[in-house]
Amino acid sequence: MGFERRRVQGPTIVLPGQPLFLGSIEVSPRDIAHRCGLQWPDMHQVGAGQGRAGGSAPTLLEGPRLHYAGFWKRVGASILDGLIVAAVSFAAFGASRLPNGQTNPDEVFRVLFSDQGLVEGLRGFLIQWAYYAVMESSPQQATLGKMAAGIKVADLHGNRLGFGRATGRYFGKTASTIICGAGYLMAAFTEKKQTLHDLMAGTLVLEKR
């Protein structure tokens, strides 16, 4: 009986006698489980005589358990990130961009809705998008706020996001926001503590362990 060679991600079933490979090197299931920090049960634990040849049942390899970040940790991280983005945006635009340091509301609105203001608004948007998408797809998997809270963003298997998925997650926040912020509150009630944009992007926010 032949076996199909495929890349394994997440929990998988390994049949007795099925080979495992690291690249082109064949390794024993027990050895690779030990090196990955997994537990390979003894044969008496998986049982025998369950209708399979040789009286051996399939063995389930289970990876490390995922620990979902709590709602209030996420709130704290979001507040800190908001302050950081606001500070960077203010530094990029700032009151110094107003004529003679004007603080008159009419003058402020005139500048904001001028061609210069629109350009600066676009620049602020690009700064915010890059901040979240680049940092959440980085090896740290977290913005500065999330790093401070000890949490990170991952896919549904706990793996690092690609830049494309991190970008999709960022734009998904629009949907969480336009319904009066209810998309963010979903993190307090969903099974895996996911917001609406997490569900849309297929992501999780996890505790760093």
C-alpha atoms as a PDB file:
ATOM      1  CA  MET A   1       0.000   0.000   0.000  1.00  0.00           C
ATOM      2  CA  GLY A   2       1.494   3.351  -1.044  1.00  0.00           C
ATOM      3  CA  PHE A   3       1.325   6.596   0.879  1.00  0.00           C
ATOM      4  CA  GLU A   4       0.741  10.065  -0.490  1.00  0.00           C
ATOM      5  CA  ARG A   5       3.472  12.497   0.425  1.00  0.00           C
ATOM      6  CA  ARG A   6       2.048  15.778   1.724  1.00  0.00           C
ATOM      7  CA  ARG A   7       3.034  18.629   3.976  1.00  0.00           C
ATOM      8  CA  VAL A   8       1.514  18.387   7.464  1.00  0.00           C
ATOM      9  CA  GLN A   9       0.144  21.389   9.349  1.00  0.00           C
ATOM     10  CA  GLY A  10      -1.748  21.128  12.611  1.00  0.00           C
ATOM     11  CA  PRO A  11      -3.028  17.869  14.153  1.00  0.00           C
ATOM     12  CA  THR A  12      -2.852  14.835  11.857  1.00  0.00           C
ATOM     13  CA  ILE A  13      -3.398  11.080  12.010  1.00  0.00           C
ATOM     14  CA  VAL A  14      -0.366   8.853  11.492  1.00  0.00           C
ATOM     15  CA  LEU A  15      -1.049   5.210  10.647  1.00  0.00           C
ATOM     16  CA  PRO A  16       1.204   2.408  11.897  1.00  0.00           C
ATOM     17  CA  GLY A  17       4.070   1.938   9.469  1.00  0.00           C
ATOM     18  CA  GLN A  18       3.484   5.251   7.707  1.00  0.00           C
ATOM     19  CA  PRO A  19       6.824   6.976   7.006  1.00  0.00           C
ATOM     20  CA  LEU A  20       7.545  10.560   8.053  1.00  0.00           C
ATOM     21  CA  PHE A  21      10.059  12.765   6.265  1.00  0.00           C
ATOM     22  CA  LEU A  22      12.004  15.912   7.053  1.00  0.00           C
ATOM     23  CA  GLY A  23      12.789  17.027   3.525  1.00  0.00           C
ATOM     24  CA  SER A  24      14.168  13.872   1.933  1.00  0.00           C
ATOM     25  CA  ILE A  25      15.253  12.282   5.238  1.00  0.00           C
ATOM     26  CA  GLU A  26      12.978   9.626   6.727  1.00  0.00           C
ATOM     27  CA  VAL A  27      12.586   9.798  10.506  1.00  0.00           C
ATOM     28  CA  SER A  28      10.722   7.736  13.068  1.00  0.00           C
ATOM     29  CA  PRO A  29       7.380   9.123  14.311  1.00  0.00           C
ATOM     30  CA  ARG A  30       8.508   8.901  17.929  1.00  0.00           C
ATOM     31  CA  ASP A  31      11.717  10.838  17.203  1.00  0.00           C
ATOM     32  CA  ILE A  32      10.040  13.634  15.249  1.00  0.00           C
ATOM     33  CA  ALA A  33       7.303  13.914  17.879  1.00  0.00           C
ATOM     34  CA  HIS A  34       9.934  14.284  20.602  1.00  0.00           C
ATOM     35  CA  ARG A  35      11.864  16.931  18.643  1.00  0.00           C
ATOM     36  CA  CYS A  36       8.671  18.936  18.051  1.00  0.00           C
ATOM     37  CA  GLY A  37       7.721  18.846  21.712  1.00  0.00           C
ATOM     38  CA  LEU A  38       4.855  16.408  21.095  1.00  0.00           C
ATOM     39  CA  GLN A  39       3.944  13.246  22.959  1.00  0.00           C
ATOM     40  CA  TRP A  40       3.938   9.950  21.059  1.00  0.00           C
ATOM     41  CA  PRO A  41       1.728   7.534  23.038  1.00  0.00           C
ATOM     42  CA  ASP A  42       2.706   3.935  23.638  1.00  0.00           C
ATOM     43  CA  MET A  43       0.830   1.297  21.658  1.00  0.00           C
ATOM     44  CA  HIS A  44      -1.150   0.135  24.711  1.00  0.00           C
ATOM     45  CA  GLN A  45      -2.572   3.679  24.958  1.00  0.00           C
ATOM     46  CA  VAL A  46      -3.970   3.714  21.445  1.00  0.00           C
ATOM     47  CA  GLY A  47      -5.521   0.267  21.823  1.00  0.00           C
ATOM     48  CA  ALA A  48      -5.514  -2.789  19.660  1.00  0.00           C
ATOM     49  CA  GLY A  49      -7.962  -4.952  17.790  1.00  0.00           C
ATOM     50  CA  GLN A  50     -10.086  -2.113  16.423  1.00  0.00           C
ATOM     51  CA  GLY A  51     -10.620  -3.658  13.032  1.00  0.00           C
ATOM     52  CA  ARG A  52      -7.248  -2.730  11.510  1.00  0.00           C
ATOM     53  CA  ALA A  53      -4.508  -4.978  10.216  1.00  0.00           C
ATOM     54  CA  GLY A  54      -2.101  -5.929  12.947  1.00  0.00           C
ATOM     55  CA  GLY A  55      -4.592  -4.872  15.625  1.00  0.00           C
ATOM     56  CA  SER A  56      -3.301  -1.270  15.711  1.00  0.00           C
ATOM     57  CA  ALA A  57      -5.441   1.864  15.630  1.00  0.00           C
ATOM     58  CA  PRO A  58      -4.383   5.185  14.120  1.00  0.00           C
ATOM     59  CA  THR A  59      -2.370   7.416  16.398  1.00  0.00           C
ATOM     60  CA  LEU A  60      -3.335  11.068  16.837  1.00  0.00           C
ATOM     61  CA  LEU A  61      -0.518  13.571  17.159  1.00  0.00           C
ATOM     62  CA  GLU A  62      -1.693  16.735  18.894  1.00  0.00           C
ATOM     63  CA  GLY A  63       0.296  19.951  18.750  1.00  0.00           C
ATOM     64  CA  PRO A  64       0.607  22.590  21.452  1.00  0.00           C
ATOM     65  CA  ARG A  65      -2.688  23.968  22.704  1.00  0.00           C
ATOM     66  CA  LEU A  66      -3.615  27.477  21.537  1.00  0.00           C
ATOM     67  CA  HIS A  67      -4.321  30.035  24.263  1.00  0.00           C
ATOM     68  CA  TYR A  68      -6.657  32.761  23.063  1.00  0.00           C
ATOM     69  CA  ALA A  69      -5.988  36.325  24.196  1.00  0.00           C
ATOM     70  CA  GLY A  70      -8.498  37.785  26.629  1.00  0.00           C
ATOM     71  CA  PHE A  71     -10.858  40.591  25.657  1.00  0.00           C
ATOM     72  CA  TRP A  72      -9.409  43.243  27.981  1.00  0.00           C
ATOM     73  CA  LYS A  73      -5.843  42.516  26.914  1.00  0.00           C
ATOM     74  CA  ARG A  74      -6.950  43.170  23.355  1.00  0.00           C
ATOM     75  CA  VAL A  75      -8.660  46.397  24.398  1.00  0.00           C
ATOM     76  CA  GLY A  76      -5.502  47.619  26.143  1.00  0.00           C
ATOM     77  CA  ALA A  77      -3.350  46.746  23.141  1.00  0.00           C
ATOM     78  CA  SER A  78      -5.761  48.550  20.784  1.00  0.00           C
ATOM     79  CA  ILE A  79      -5.709  51.711  22.914  1.00  0.00           C
ATOM     80  CA  LEU A  80      -1.911  51.743  22.990  1.00  0.00           C
ATOM     81  CA  ASP A  81      -1.705  51.122  19.246  1.00  0.00           C
ATOM     82  CA  GLY A  82      -4.201  53.920  18.624  1.00  0.00           C
ATOM     83  CA  LEU A  83      -2.059  56.339  20.627  1.00  0.00           C
ATOM     84  CA  ILE A  84       1.074  55.274  18.752  1.00  0.00           C
ATOM     85  CA  VAL A  85      -0.553  55.681  15.333  1.00  0.00           C
ATOM     86  CA  ALA A  86      -2.032  59.039  16.361  1.00  0.00           C
ATOM     87  CA  ALA A  87       1.368  60.279  17.534  1.00  0.00           C
ATOM     88  CA  VAL A  88       3.056  59.200  14.302  1.00  0.00           C
ATOM     89  CA  SER A  89       0.292  60.742  12.196  1.00  0.00           C
ATOM     90  CA  PHE A  90       0.461  63.999  14.159  1.00  0.00           C
ATOM     91  CA  ALA A  91       4.212  64.088  13.687  1.00  0.00           C
ATOM     92  CA  ALA A  92       3.713  63.571   9.937  1.00  0.00           C
ATOM     93  CA  PHE A  93       1.016  66.281   9.705  1.00  0.00           C
ATOM     94  CA  GLY A  94       0.909  68.236  12.963  1.00  0.00           C
ATOM     95  CA  ALA A  95      -0.107  71.735  13.900  1.00  0.00           C
ATOM     96  CA  SER A  96       3.065  73.022  12.274  1.00  0.00           C
ATOM     97  CA  ARG A  97       1.430  72.339   8.885  1.00  0.00           C
ATOM     98  CA  LEU A  98      -1.229  74.987   9.609  1.00  0.00           C
ATOM     99  CA  PRO A  99      -0.464  78.514   8.372  1.00  0.00           C
ATOM    100  CA  ASN A 100       1.399  80.422  11.081  1.00  0.00           C
ATOM    101  CA  GLY A 101       0.424  77.770  13.636  1.00  0.00           C
ATOM    102  CA  GLN A 102      -3.275  78.640  13.343  1.00  0.00           C
ATOM    103  CA  THR A 103      -5.642  76.799  15.698  1.00  0.00           C
ATOM    104  CA  ASN A 104      -8.849  78.530  14.588  1.00  0.00           C
ATOM    105  CA  PRO A 105     -11.398  75.752  13.767  1.00  0.00           C
ATOM    106  CA  ASP A 106     -12.372  77.331  10.428  1.00  0.00           C
ATOM    107  CA  GLU A 107      -8.751  77.535   9.367  1.00  0.00           C
ATOM    108  CA  VAL A 108      -8.102  73.969  10.513  1.00  0.00           C
ATOM    109  CA  PHE A 109     -11.025  72.624   8.440  1.00  0.00           C
ATOM    110  CA  ARG A 110      -9.952  74.675   5.433  1.00  0.00           C
ATOM    111  CA  VAL A 111      -6.503  73.097   5.513  1.00  0.00           C
ATOM    112  CA  LEU A 112      -7.797  69.590   6.212  1.00  0.00           C
ATOM    113  CA  PHE A 113     -10.116  69.636   3.198  1.00  0.00           C
ATOM    114  CA  SER A 114      -7.658  71.269   0.848  1.00  0.00           C
ATOM    115  CA  ASP A 115      -5.541  69.303  -1.610  1.00  0.00           C
ATOM    116  CA  GLN A 116      -2.747  69.366   0.951  1.00  0.00           C
ATOM    117  CA  GLY A 117      -5.061  67.976   3.618  1.00  0.00           C
ATOM    118  CA  LEU A 118      -6.238  65.144   1.370  1.00  0.00           C
ATOM    119  CA  VAL A 119      -2.646  64.210   0.571  1.00  0.00           C
ATOM    120  CA  GLU A 120      -1.781  64.209   4.256  1.00  0.00           C
ATOM    121  CA  GLY A 121      -4.886  62.144   5.022  1.00  0.00           C
ATOM    122  CA  LEU A 122      -3.805  59.561   2.454  1.00  0.00           C
ATOM    123  CA  ARG A 123      -0.353  59.533   3.983  1.00  0.00           C
ATOM    124  CA  GLY A 124      -1.849  58.957   7.433  1.00  0.00           C
ATOM    125  CA  PHE A 125      -3.926  56.056   6.088  1.00  0.00           C
ATOM    126  CA  LEU A 126      -0.834  54.466   4.527  1.00  0.00           C
ATOM    127  CA  ILE A 127       1.067  54.853   7.800  1.00  0.00           C
ATOM    128  CA  GLN A 128      -1.711  53.111   9.745  1.00  0.00           C
ATOM    129  CA  TRP A 129      -2.099  50.296   7.210  1.00  0.00           C
ATOM    130  CA  ALA A 130       1.659  49.678   7.069  1.00  0.00           C
ATOM    131  CA  TYR A 131       1.927  49.726  10.868  1.00  0.00           C
ATOM    132  CA  TYR A 132      -0.631  46.953  11.359  1.00  0.00           C
ATOM    133  CA  ALA A 133       0.004  44.838   8.247  1.00  0.00           C
ATOM    134  CA  VAL A 134       3.802  44.887   8.424  1.00  0.00           C
ATOM    135  CA  MET A 135       4.099  44.310  12.168  1.00  0.00           C
ATOM    136  CA  GLU A 136       1.406  41.624  12.400  1.00  0.00           C
ATOM    137  CA  SER A 137       3.069  39.687   9.560  1.00  0.00           C
ATOM    138  CA  SER A 138       6.551  40.153  11.059  1.00  0.00           C
ATOM    139  CA  PRO A 139       8.379  37.434  13.030  1.00  0.00           C
ATOM    140  CA  GLN A 140       7.013  39.060  16.232  1.00  0.00           C
ATOM    141  CA  GLN A 141       3.438  38.685  14.852  1.00  0.00           C
ATOM    142  CA  ALA A 142       2.410  41.741  16.835  1.00  0.00           C
ATOM    143  CA  THR A 143       2.142  45.510  16.880  1.00  0.00           C
ATOM    144  CA  LEU A 144       3.848  47.451  19.667  1.00  0.00           C
ATOM    145  CA  GLY A 145       0.616  47.484  21.651  1.00  0.00           C
ATOM    146  CA  LYS A 146       0.199  43.721  21.331  1.00  0.00           C
ATOM    147  CA  MET A 147       3.848  43.162  22.273  1.00  0.00           C
ATOM    148  CA  ALA A 148       3.286  45.190  25.445  1.00  0.00           C
ATOM    149  CA  ALA A 149       0.191  43.099  26.241  1.00  0.00           C
ATOM    150  CA  GLY A 150       1.983  39.814  25.553  1.00  0.00           C
ATOM    151  CA  ILE A 151      -0.278  38.759  22.680  1.00  0.00           C
ATOM    152  CA  LYS A 152       0.164  38.087  18.960  1.00  0.00           C
ATOM    153  CA  VAL A 153      -1.826  37.538  15.750  1.00  0.00           C
ATOM    154  CA  ALA A 154      -1.779  34.144  14.020  1.00  0.00           C
ATOM    155  CA  ASP A 155      -3.694  32.019  11.537  1.00  0.00           C
ATOM    156  CA  LEU A 156      -6.095  29.302  12.706  1.00  0.00           C
ATOM    157  CA  HIS A 157      -3.175  26.900  13.316  1.00  0.00           C
ATOM    158  CA  GLY A 158      -1.142  29.403  15.321  1.00  0.00           C
ATOM    159  CA  ASN A 159       1.237  30.164  12.462  1.00  0.00           C
ATOM    160  CA  ARG A 160       2.598  33.519  11.338  1.00  0.00           C
ATOM    161  CA  LEU A 161       0.456  35.526   8.909  1.00  0.00           C
ATOM    162  CA  GLY A 162       1.540  36.511   5.438  1.00  0.00           C
ATOM    163  CA  PHE A 163       1.431  40.194   4.503  1.00  0.00           C
ATOM    164  CA  GLY A 164      -1.657  39.651   2.323  1.00  0.00           C
ATOM    165  CA  ARG A 165      -3.703  38.115   5.120  1.00  0.00           C
ATOM    166  CA  ALA A 166      -2.534  40.770   7.586  1.00  0.00           C
ATOM    167  CA  THR A 167      -3.680  43.397   5.071  1.00  0.00           C
ATOM    168  CA  GLY A 168      -7.062  41.686   4.723  1.00  0.00           C
ATOM    169  CA  ARG A 169      -7.419  41.642   8.499  1.00  0.00           C
ATOM    170  CA  TYR A 170      -6.671  45.363   8.669  1.00  0.00           C
ATOM    171  CA  PHE A 171      -9.273  46.280   6.052  1.00  0.00           C
ATOM    172  CA  GLY A 172     -11.738  43.902   7.721  1.00  0.00           C
ATOM    173  CA  LYS A 173     -11.704  46.264  10.710  1.00  0.00           C
ATOM    174  CA  THR A 174     -13.894  48.566   8.622  1.00  0.00           C
ATOM    175  CA  ALA A 175     -16.711  46.011   8.914  1.00  0.00           C
ATOM    176  CA  SER A 176     -16.139  45.705  12.669  1.00  0.00           C
ATOM    177  CA  THR A 177     -16.301  49.493  13.021  1.00  0.00           C
ATOM    178  CA  ILE A 178     -19.289  50.447  10.856  1.00  0.00           C
ATOM    179  CA  ILE A 179     -21.698  48.331  12.899  1.00  0.00           C
ATOM    180  CA  CYS A 180     -21.152  50.645  15.874  1.00  0.00           C
ATOM    181  CA  GLY A 181     -18.049  48.736  16.938  1.00  0.00           C
ATOM    182  CA  ALA A 182     -20.027  45.531  17.572  1.00  0.00           C
ATOM    183  CA  GLY A 183     -17.512  43.583  15.489  1.00  0.00           C
ATOM    184  CA  TYR A 184     -14.874  44.252  18.151  1.00  0.00           C
ATOM    185  CA  LEU A 185     -17.187  43.230  21.003  1.00  0.00           C
ATOM    186  CA  MET A 186     -17.555  39.784  19.425  1.00  0.00           C
ATOM    187  CA  ALA A 187     -14.151  38.917  20.945  1.00  0.00           C
ATOM    188  CA  ALA A 188     -15.862  38.785  24.348  1.00  0.00           C
ATOM    189  CA  PHE A 189     -18.431  36.189  23.252  1.00  0.00           C
ATOM    190  CA  THR A 190     -17.048  34.008  20.432  1.00  0.00           C
ATOM    191  CA  GLU A 191     -15.585  30.595  21.249  1.00  0.00           C
ATOM    192  CA  LYS A 192     -12.056  31.488  20.113  1.00  0.00           C
ATOM    193  CA  LYS A 193     -12.325  35.141  21.199  1.00  0.00           C
ATOM    194  CA  GLN A 194     -12.425  36.325  17.587  1.00  0.00           C
ATOM    195  CA  THR A 195     -13.643  39.698  16.385  1.00  0.00           C
ATOM    196  CA  LEU A 196     -15.602  40.050  13.153  1.00  0.00           C
ATOM    197  CA  HIS A 197     -12.438  40.921  11.232  1.00  0.00           C
ATOM    198  CA  ASP A 198     -10.702  37.863  12.734  1.00  0.00           C
ATOM    199  CA  LEU A 199     -13.518  35.665  11.444  1.00  0.00           C
ATOM    200  CA  MET A 200     -13.365  37.311   8.021  1.00  0.00           C
ATOM    201  CA  ALA A 201      -9.579  36.911   7.733  1.00  0.00           C
ATOM    202  CA  GLY A 202      -9.332  33.484   9.415  1.00  0.00           C
ATOM    203  CA  THR A 203      -7.070  34.757  12.199  1.00  0.00           C
ATOM    204  CA  LEU A 204      -6.661  34.417  15.957  1.00  0.00           C
ATOM    205  CA  VAL A 205      -5.150  36.591  18.649  1.00  0.00           C
ATOM    206  CA  LEU A 206      -3.140  34.400  21.012  1.00  0.00           C
ATOM    207  CA  GLU A 207      -1.272  34.672  24.259  1.00  0.00           C
ATOM    208  CA  LYS A 208       2.503  34.549  23.831  1.00  0.00           C
ATOM    209  CA  ARG A 209       3.719  31.492  25.746  1.00  0.00           C
END
